[in-house]
């Protein structure tokens, strides 16, 4: 799915995958948090007040949908919003994430904090 998000219009299957990934409160909270900057799993666990397996499960779904990407930093795994999603946000002047099939808007305070709104 990661490669497919780079195209402007998602086909119905791709759109369903993205919407399914975003259709959970925990995953929306993770994405919202990552819009503010890169975070390691341990940071997200504390922020979500959840277990590490629970957070990792949701991060895997977001990663498989191409919304976030992870990298190893020593013993920790850190995540950030994928560059494709960051470009989508920049293309909308920081107002929304445009997936081609739909747009997702977060509270303006999130986008202001992350430095994406002028």
Protein backbone atom coordinates (compact mmCIF):
# COMPACT_ATOMS: atom_id res chain seq x y z
CA UNK A 1 0.00 0.00 0.00
CA UNK A 2 2.89 2.39 0.68
CA UNK A 3 3.75 2.86 -2.99
CA UNK A 4 0.13 3.47 -3.92
CA UNK A 5 -0.34 6.50 -1.67
CA UNK A 6 2.00 8.49 -3.88
CA UNK A 7 -0.62 8.60 -6.64
CA UNK A 8 -3.18 11.38 -6.37
CA UNK A 9 -6.33 9.25 -6.63
CA UNK A 10 -6.64 6.02 -4.70
CA UNK A 11 -8.58 3.15 -6.16
CA UNK A 12 -11.49 1.82 -4.04
CA UNK A 13 -9.37 -0.92 -2.44
CA UNK A 14 -6.58 1.50 -1.49
CA UNK A 15 -9.09 4.01 -0.17
CA UNK A 16 -10.75 1.31 1.95
CA UNK A 17 -7.35 0.32 3.39
CA UNK A 18 -6.57 3.92 4.39
CA UNK A 19 -10.03 4.52 5.83
CA UNK A 20 -9.92 1.22 7.72
CA UNK A 21 -6.54 2.20 9.21
CA UNK A 22 -7.98 5.56 10.26
CA UNK A 23 -11.24 4.06 11.51
CA UNK A 24 -9.96 3.48 15.03
CA UNK A 25 -9.64 6.06 17.78
CA UNK A 26 -6.23 4.79 18.90
CA UNK A 27 -4.81 4.99 15.39
CA UNK A 28 -6.19 8.49 14.92
CA UNK A 29 -4.57 9.51 18.21
CA UNK A 30 -1.26 8.01 17.06
CA UNK A 31 -1.40 9.78 13.71
CA UNK A 32 -2.33 13.05 15.40
CA UNK A 33 0.59 12.65 17.80
CA UNK A 34 3.02 11.85 14.98
CA UNK A 35 1.92 14.96 13.10
CA UNK A 36 3.63 16.87 15.92
CA UNK A 37 6.88 14.99 15.34
CA UNK A 38 8.66 11.67 15.34
CA UNK A 39 8.17 9.50 18.41
CA UNK A 40 9.47 6.17 19.63
CA UNK A 41 7.11 3.37 20.60
CA UNK A 42 7.91 3.90 24.29
CA UNK A 43 6.82 7.55 24.02
CA UNK A 44 3.58 6.57 22.30
CA UNK A 45 2.89 3.90 24.94
CA UNK A 46 3.13 6.54 27.67
CA UNK A 47 1.06 9.03 25.72
CA UNK A 48 -1.67 6.46 24.95
CA UNK A 49 -1.48 4.94 28.43
CA UNK A 50 -1.49 1.51 26.80
CA UNK A 51 0.70 -1.56 26.57
CA UNK A 52 3.58 -1.85 24.13
CA UNK A 53 1.95 -4.71 22.16
CA UNK A 54 -1.27 -2.66 21.85
CA UNK A 55 0.57 0.38 20.47
CA UNK A 56 2.74 -1.76 18.17
CA UNK A 57 -0.36 -3.48 16.75
CA UNK A 58 -1.89 -0.13 15.78
CA UNK A 59 1.42 1.19 14.44
CA UNK A 60 1.71 -1.88 12.21
CA UNK A 61 -1.73 -1.19 10.72
CA UNK A 62 -0.80 2.46 10.07
CA UNK A 63 2.52 1.38 8.57
CA UNK A 64 0.88 -1.25 6.33
CA UNK A 65 -1.52 1.44 5.07
CA UNK A 66 1.47 3.65 4.18
CA UNK A 67 0.54 6.37 6.67
CA UNK A 68 3.60 6.09 8.92
CA UNK A 69 7.09 4.67 8.66
CA UNK A 70 9.36 3.33 11.34
CA UNK A 71 13.09 3.07 11.81
CA UNK A 72 15.27 1.50 14.45
CA UNK A 73 17.10 3.87 16.79
CA UNK A 74 19.33 1.60 18.86
CA UNK A 75 16.98 -0.73 20.73
CA UNK A 76 13.95 1.46 20.09
CA UNK A 77 11.73 1.75 17.06
CA UNK A 78 10.65 5.28 16.22
CA UNK A 79 7.85 6.35 13.89
CA UNK A 80 7.02 9.39 11.83
CA UNK A 81 4.31 10.35 9.37
CA UNK A 82 5.35 9.07 5.94
CA UNK A 83 6.85 11.62 3.52
CA UNK A 84 3.90 11.09 1.14
CA UNK A 85 1.48 12.09 3.88
CA UNK A 86 3.68 15.04 4.86
CA UNK A 87 3.64 16.23 1.22
CA UNK A 88 -0.14 15.81 1.14
CA UNK A 89 -0.43 18.02 4.21
CA UNK A 90 1.91 20.62 2.71
CA UNK A 91 -0.06 20.61 -0.56
CA UNK A 92 -3.20 21.55 1.39
CA UNK A 93 -1.39 24.42 3.20
CA UNK A 94 -1.48 22.36 6.39
CA UNK A 95 -5.27 22.32 6.46
CA UNK A 96 -5.98 18.64 5.72
CA UNK A 97 -4.56 15.32 4.65
CA UNK A 98 -5.78 14.70 1.09
CA UNK A 99 -5.86 11.02 0.16
CA UNK A 100 -7.49 11.61 -3.20
CA UNK A 101 -10.59 9.66 -2.15
CA UNK A 102 -11.23 11.86 0.88
CA UNK A 103 -9.68 14.45 3.18
CA UNK A 104 -8.93 14.15 6.87
CA UNK A 105 -8.88 17.24 9.06
CA UNK A 106 -7.45 17.37 12.56
CA UNK A 107 -8.19 20.10 15.11
CA UNK A 108 -6.38 23.26 14.08
CA UNK A 109 -4.43 23.24 17.36
CA UNK A 110 -2.76 19.97 16.29
CA UNK A 111 -1.67 21.38 12.98
CA UNK A 112 -0.55 24.68 14.55
CA UNK A 113 1.53 22.80 17.12
CA UNK A 114 3.14 20.70 14.40
CA UNK A 115 4.13 23.83 12.50
CA UNK A 116 2.08 23.05 9.39
CA UNK A 117 -0.29 26.03 9.51
CA UNK A 118 0.94 29.45 8.55
